[in-house]
Amino acid sequence: LSVEKWIVKGHPAEEILKLADEQSVDMIVMGTLGRSGIEKFVLGSVADKVIRNSRIPVLTVRR
């Protein structure tokens, strides 16, 4: 398992998707904020945008 991380400026979801495409990554792994009640059914806006627009698998991990 090879893991790399980058720091970039811009809109988070757009930059994550762009970098994943440029680097030909196999999977995006990202954290989501842990929520309770009704909020637990709603992902954060960045994770949601990445999942909806990614052409590769996305694994989200509750923080």
PDB file of N, CA and C in Angstrom:
ATOM      1  N   LEU A   1       0.849  -1.172   0.000  1.00  0.00           N
ATOM      2  CA  LEU A   1       0.000   0.000   0.000  1.00  0.00           C
ATOM      3  C   LEU A   1       0.889   1.227   0.000  1.00  0.00           C
ATOM      4  N   SER A   2       0.684   2.052  -0.981  1.00  0.00           N
ATOM      5  CA  SER A   2       1.446   3.293  -1.084  1.00  0.00           C
ATOM      6  C   SER A   2       0.507   4.463  -0.836  1.00  0.00           C
ATOM      7  N   VAL A   3       0.887   5.336   0.076  1.00  0.00           N
ATOM      8  CA  VAL A   3       0.061   6.491   0.417  1.00  0.00           C
ATOM      9  C   VAL A   3       0.863   7.755   0.169  1.00  0.00           C
ATOM     10  N   GLU A   4       0.228   8.718  -0.481  1.00  0.00           N
ATOM     11  CA  GLU A   4       0.862  10.013  -0.712  1.00  0.00           C
ATOM     12  C   GLU A   4      -0.105  11.096  -0.284  1.00  0.00           C
ATOM     13  N   LYS A   5       0.426  12.239   0.126  1.00  0.00           N
ATOM     14  CA  LYS A   5      -0.438  13.363   0.460  1.00  0.00           C
ATOM     15  C   LYS A   5       0.132  14.632  -0.151  1.00  0.00           C
ATOM     16  N   TRP A   6      -0.767  15.547  -0.497  1.00  0.00           N
ATOM     17  CA  TRP A   6      -0.386  16.802  -1.134  1.00  0.00           C
ATOM     18  C   TRP A   6      -1.084  17.945  -0.424  1.00  0.00           C
ATOM     19  N   ILE A   7      -0.489  19.126  -0.534  1.00  0.00           N
ATOM     20  CA  ILE A   7      -1.120  20.351  -0.049  1.00  0.00           C
ATOM     21  C   ILE A   7      -1.278  21.265  -1.252  1.00  0.00           C
ATOM     22  N   VAL A   8      -2.512  21.657  -1.535  1.00  0.00           N
ATOM     23  CA  VAL A   8      -2.802  22.521  -2.681  1.00  0.00           C
ATOM     24  C   VAL A   8      -3.791  23.602  -2.250  1.00  0.00           C
ATOM     25  N   LYS A   9      -3.857  24.663  -3.029  1.00  0.00           N
ATOM     26  CA  LYS A   9      -4.811  25.743  -2.768  1.00  0.00           C
ATOM     27  C   LYS A   9      -5.962  25.639  -3.751  1.00  0.00           C
ATOM     28  N   GLY A  10      -7.140  26.036  -3.313  1.00  0.00           N
ATOM     29  CA  GLY A  10      -8.306  26.043  -4.185  1.00  0.00           C
ATOM     30  C   GLY A  10      -9.522  25.491  -3.481  1.00  0.00           C
ATOM     31  N   HIS A  11     -10.566  25.220  -4.241  1.00  0.00           N
ATOM     32  CA  HIS A  11     -11.781  24.616  -3.703  1.00  0.00           C
ATOM     33  C   HIS A  11     -11.485  23.141  -3.427  1.00  0.00           C
ATOM     34  N   PRO A  12     -11.642  22.679  -2.179  1.00  0.00           N
ATOM     35  CA  PRO A  12     -11.206  21.334  -1.797  1.00  0.00           C
ATOM     36  C   PRO A  12     -11.685  20.202  -2.702  1.00  0.00           C
ATOM     37  N   ALA A  13     -12.974  20.103  -2.951  1.00  0.00           N
ATOM     38  CA  ALA A  13     -13.481  18.979  -3.755  1.00  0.00           C
ATOM     39  C   ALA A  13     -12.910  19.014  -5.166  1.00  0.00           C
ATOM     40  N   GLU A  14     -12.879  20.196  -5.767  1.00  0.00           N
ATOM     41  CA  GLU A  14     -12.350  20.328  -7.129  1.00  0.00           C
ATOM     42  C   GLU A  14     -10.877  19.948  -7.185  1.00  0.00           C
ATOM     43  N   GLU A  15     -10.104  20.396  -6.199  1.00  0.00           N
ATOM     44  CA  GLU A  15      -8.668  20.102  -6.181  1.00  0.00           C
ATOM     45  C   GLU A  15      -8.401  18.624  -5.930  1.00  0.00           C
ATOM     46  N   ILE A  16      -9.184  18.000  -5.057  1.00  0.00           N
ATOM     47  CA  ILE A  16      -9.026  16.562  -4.794  1.00  0.00           C
ATOM     48  C   ILE A  16      -9.272  15.769  -6.072  1.00  0.00           C
ATOM     49  N   LEU A  17     -10.356  16.082  -6.767  1.00  0.00           N
ATOM     50  CA  LEU A  17     -10.688  15.364  -8.002  1.00  0.00           C
ATOM     51  C   LEU A  17      -9.657  15.615  -9.092  1.00  0.00           C
ATOM     52  N   LYS A  18      -9.196  16.845  -9.219  1.00  0.00           N
ATOM     53  CA  LYS A  18      -8.199  17.182 -10.238  1.00  0.00           C
ATOM     54  C   LYS A  18      -6.885  16.455  -9.964  1.00  0.00           C
ATOM     55  N   LEU A  19      -6.435  16.474  -8.726  1.00  0.00           N
ATOM     56  CA  LEU A  19      -5.180  15.820  -8.367  1.00  0.00           C
ATOM     57  C   LEU A  19      -5.279  14.304  -8.535  1.00  0.00           C
ATOM     58  N   ALA A  20      -6.411  13.726  -8.162  1.00  0.00           N
ATOM     59  CA  ALA A  20      -6.601  12.280  -8.330  1.00  0.00           C
ATOM     60  C   ALA A  20      -6.498  11.896  -9.798  1.00  0.00           C
ATOM     61  N   ASP A  21      -7.053  12.727 -10.666  1.00  0.00           N
ATOM     62  CA  ASP A  21      -6.989  12.469 -12.102  1.00  0.00           C
ATOM     63  C   ASP A  21      -5.565  12.633 -12.625  1.00  0.00           C
ATOM     64  N   GLU A  22      -4.901  13.709 -12.229  1.00  0.00           N
ATOM     65  CA  GLU A  22      -3.529  13.977 -12.692  1.00  0.00           C
ATOM     66  C   GLU A  22      -2.549  12.901 -12.243  1.00  0.00           C
ATOM     67  N   GLN A  23      -2.736  12.390 -11.033  1.00  0.00           N
ATOM     68  CA  GLN A  23      -1.811  11.407 -10.465  1.00  0.00           C
ATOM     69  C   GLN A  23      -2.227   9.966 -10.760  1.00  0.00           C
ATOM     70  N   SER A  24      -3.344   9.776 -11.443  1.00  0.00           N
ATOM     71  CA  SER A  24      -3.863   8.433 -11.767  1.00  0.00           C
ATOM     72  C   SER A  24      -3.956   7.546 -10.528  1.00  0.00           C
ATOM     73  N   VAL A  25      -4.543   8.087  -9.470  1.00  0.00           N
ATOM     74  CA  VAL A  25      -4.660   7.314  -8.232  1.00  0.00           C
ATOM     75  C   VAL A  25      -5.707   6.215  -8.391  1.00  0.00           C
ATOM     76  N   ASP A  26      -5.584   5.169  -7.567  1.00  0.00           N
ATOM     77  CA  ASP A  26      -6.505   4.038  -7.617  1.00  0.00           C
ATOM     78  C   ASP A  26      -7.714   4.229  -6.714  1.00  0.00           C
ATOM     79  N   MET A  27      -7.547   5.052  -5.661  1.00  0.00           N
ATOM     80  CA  MET A  27      -8.631   5.261  -4.710  1.00  0.00           C
ATOM     81  C   MET A  27      -8.385   6.559  -3.951  1.00  0.00           C
ATOM     82  N   ILE A  28      -9.463   7.250  -3.623  1.00  0.00           N
ATOM     83  CA  ILE A  28      -9.394   8.436  -2.770  1.00  0.00           C
ATOM     84  C   ILE A  28      -9.885   8.019  -1.394  1.00  0.00           C
ATOM     85  N   VAL A  29      -9.099   8.306  -0.364  1.00  0.00           N
ATOM     86  CA  VAL A  29      -9.501   8.036   1.014  1.00  0.00           C
ATOM     87  C   VAL A  29      -9.575   9.379   1.722  1.00  0.00           C
ATOM     88  N   MET A  30     -10.713   9.650   2.345  1.00  0.00           N
ATOM     89  CA  MET A  30     -10.866  10.939   3.012  1.00  0.00           C
ATOM     90  C   MET A  30     -11.730  10.805   4.253  1.00  0.00           C
ATOM     91  N   GLY A  31     -11.514  11.688   5.195  1.00  0.00           N
ATOM     92  CA  GLY A  31     -12.294  11.692   6.425  1.00  0.00           C
ATOM     93  C   GLY A  31     -13.576  12.484   6.270  1.00  0.00           C
ATOM     94  N   THR A  32     -14.562  12.142   7.087  1.00  0.00           N
ATOM     95  CA  THR A  32     -15.790  12.923   7.186  1.00  0.00           C
ATOM     96  C   THR A  32     -15.988  13.257   8.651  1.00  0.00           C
ATOM     97  N   LEU A  33     -16.692  14.323   8.920  1.00  0.00           N
ATOM     98  CA  LEU A  33     -16.947  14.703  10.304  1.00  0.00           C
ATOM     99  C   LEU A  33     -17.999  13.791  10.903  1.00  0.00           C
ATOM    100  N   GLY A  34     -17.725  13.289  12.103  1.00  0.00           N
ATOM    101  CA  GLY A  34     -18.711  12.462  12.783  1.00  0.00           C
ATOM    102  C   GLY A  34     -19.859  13.324  13.279  1.00  0.00           C
ATOM    103  N   ARG A  35     -21.068  12.926  13.005  1.00  0.00           N
ATOM    104  CA  ARG A  35     -22.244  13.700  13.414  1.00  0.00           C
ATOM    105  C   ARG A  35     -23.229  12.768  14.109  1.00  0.00           C
ATOM    106  N   SER A  36     -24.192  13.363  14.776  1.00  0.00           N
ATOM    107  CA  SER A  36     -25.204  12.558  15.460  1.00  0.00           C
ATOM    108  C   SER A  36     -26.591  12.948  14.963  1.00  0.00           C
ATOM    109  N   GLY A  37     -27.578  12.172  15.342  1.00  0.00           N
ATOM    110  CA  GLY A  37     -28.953  12.466  14.951  1.00  0.00           C
ATOM    111  C   GLY A  37     -29.123  12.437  13.450  1.00  0.00           C
ATOM    112  N   ILE A  38     -29.970  13.320  12.948  1.00  0.00           N
ATOM    113  CA  ILE A  38     -30.259  13.361  11.514  1.00  0.00           C
ATOM    114  C   ILE A  38     -29.020  13.718  10.708  1.00  0.00           C
ATOM    115  N   GLU A  39     -28.087  14.481  11.297  1.00  0.00           N
ATOM    116  CA  GLU A  39     -26.882  14.891  10.579  1.00  0.00           C
ATOM    117  C   GLU A  39     -26.009  13.708  10.186  1.00  0.00           C
ATOM    118  N   LYS A  40     -26.112  12.582  10.899  1.00  0.00           N
ATOM    119  CA  LYS A  40     -25.250  11.444  10.579  1.00  0.00           C
ATOM    120  C   LYS A  40     -25.568  10.848   9.215  1.00  0.00           C
ATOM    121  N   PHE A  41     -26.733  11.189   8.649  1.00  0.00           N
ATOM    122  CA  PHE A  41     -27.099  10.682   7.337  1.00  0.00           C
ATOM    123  C   PHE A  41     -26.631  11.593   6.210  1.00  0.00           C
ATOM    124  N   VAL A  42     -26.038  12.715   6.567  1.00  0.00           N
ATOM    125  CA  VAL A  42     -25.595  13.688   5.571  1.00  0.00           C
ATOM    126  C   VAL A  42     -24.081  13.793   5.639  1.00  0.00           C
ATOM    127  N   LEU A  43     -23.417  13.559   4.510  1.00  0.00           N
ATOM    128  CA  LEU A  43     -21.966  13.707   4.469  1.00  0.00           C
ATOM    129  C   LEU A  43     -21.606  15.175   4.428  1.00  0.00           C
ATOM    130  N   GLY A  44     -20.357  15.482   4.765  1.00  0.00           N
ATOM    131  CA  GLY A  44     -19.882  16.844   4.599  1.00  0.00           C
ATOM    132  C   GLY A  44     -19.934  17.233   3.132  1.00  0.00           C
ATOM    133  N   SER A  45     -19.986  18.515   2.873  1.00  0.00           N
ATOM    134  CA  SER A  45     -20.156  18.972   1.492  1.00  0.00           C
ATOM    135  C   SER A  45     -18.977  18.592   0.604  1.00  0.00           C
ATOM    136  N   VAL A  46     -17.749  18.605   1.141  1.00  0.00           N
ATOM    137  CA  VAL A  46     -16.581  18.239   0.332  1.00  0.00           C
ATOM    138  C   VAL A  46     -16.637  16.755  -0.007  1.00  0.00           C
ATOM    139  N   ALA A  47     -16.850  15.910   0.992  1.00  0.00           N
ATOM    140  CA  ALA A  47     -16.928  14.465   0.745  1.00  0.00           C
ATOM    141  C   ALA A  47     -18.061  14.152  -0.224  1.00  0.00           C
ATOM    142  N   ASP A  48     -19.188  14.802  -0.051  1.00  0.00           N
ATOM    143  CA  ASP A  48     -20.331  14.568  -0.927  1.00  0.00           C
ATOM    144  C   ASP A  48     -19.998  14.920  -2.373  1.00  0.00           C
ATOM    145  N   LYS A  49     -19.366  16.057  -2.591  1.00  0.00           N
ATOM    146  CA  LYS A  49     -19.002  16.469  -3.952  1.00  0.00           C
ATOM    147  C   LYS A  49     -17.985  15.519  -4.573  1.00  0.00           C
ATOM    148  N   VAL A  50     -17.020  15.066  -3.765  1.00  0.00           N
ATOM    149  CA  VAL A  50     -16.011  14.142  -4.283  1.00  0.00           C
ATOM    150  C   VAL A  50     -16.672  12.820  -4.674  1.00  0.00           C
ATOM    151  N   ILE A  51     -17.508  12.277  -3.796  1.00  0.00           N
ATOM    152  CA  ILE A  51     -18.171  11.002  -4.082  1.00  0.00           C
ATOM    153  C   ILE A  51     -19.042  11.101  -5.335  1.00  0.00           C
ATOM    154  N   ARG A  52     -19.791  12.167  -5.452  1.00  0.00           N
ATOM    155  CA  ARG A  52     -20.718  12.321  -6.584  1.00  0.00           C
ATOM    156  C   ARG A  52     -20.009  12.537  -7.919  1.00  0.00           C
ATOM    157  N   ASN A  53     -18.799  13.085  -7.881  1.00  0.00           N
ATOM    158  CA  ASN A  53     -18.127  13.447  -9.130  1.00  0.00           C
ATOM    159  C   ASN A  53     -16.896  12.614  -9.461  1.00  0.00           C
ATOM    160  N   SER A  54     -16.510  11.693  -8.587  1.00  0.00           N
ATOM    161  CA  SER A  54     -15.311  10.896  -8.813  1.00  0.00           C
ATOM    162  C   SER A  54     -15.576   9.740  -9.773  1.00  0.00           C
ATOM    163  N   ARG A  55     -14.591   9.483 -10.624  1.00  0.00           N
ATOM    164  CA  ARG A  55     -14.667   8.326 -11.524  1.00  0.00           C
ATOM    165  C   ARG A  55     -13.942   7.121 -10.931  1.00  0.00           C
ATOM    166  N   ILE A  56     -13.307   7.319  -9.772  1.00  0.00           N
ATOM    167  CA  ILE A  56     -12.601   6.228  -9.095  1.00  0.00           C
ATOM    168  C   ILE A  56     -13.244   6.000  -7.727  1.00  0.00           C
ATOM    169  N   PRO A  57     -12.974   4.858  -7.089  1.00  0.00           N
ATOM    170  CA  PRO A  57     -13.567   4.585  -5.781  1.00  0.00           C
ATOM    171  C   PRO A  57     -13.147   5.619  -4.731  1.00  0.00           C
ATOM    172  N   VAL A  58     -14.086   5.942  -3.843  1.00  0.00           N
ATOM    173  CA  VAL A  58     -13.830   6.864  -2.736  1.00  0.00           C
ATOM    174  C   VAL A  58     -14.196   6.148  -1.446  1.00  0.00           C
ATOM    175  N   LEU A  59     -13.244   6.085  -0.517  1.00  0.00           N
ATOM    176  CA  LEU A  59     -13.482   5.502   0.800  1.00  0.00           C
ATOM    177  C   LEU A  59     -13.536   6.644   1.801  1.00  0.00           C
ATOM    178  N   THR A  60     -14.654   6.766   2.521  1.00  0.00           N
ATOM    179  CA  THR A  60     -14.753   7.794   3.550  1.00  0.00           C
ATOM    180  C   THR A  60     -14.645   7.139   4.915  1.00  0.00           C
ATOM    181  N   VAL A  61     -13.956   7.818   5.815  1.00  0.00           N
ATOM    182  CA  VAL A  61     -13.734   7.324   7.165  1.00  0.00           C
ATOM    183  C   VAL A  61     -14.248   8.378   8.130  1.00  0.00           C
ATOM    184  N   ARG A  62     -15.115   7.974   9.019  1.00  0.00           N
ATOM    185  CA  ARG A  62     -15.653   8.916  10.004  1.00  0.00           C
ATOM    186  C   ARG A  62     -14.565   9.301  10.994  1.00  0.00           C
ATOM    187  N   ARG A  63     -14.402  10.597  11.193  1.00  0.00           N
ATOM    188  CA  ARG A  63     -13.386  11.073  12.135  1.00  0.00           C
ATOM    189  C   ARG A  63     -13.969  11.221  13.505  1.00  0.00           C
TER     190      ARG A  63
END
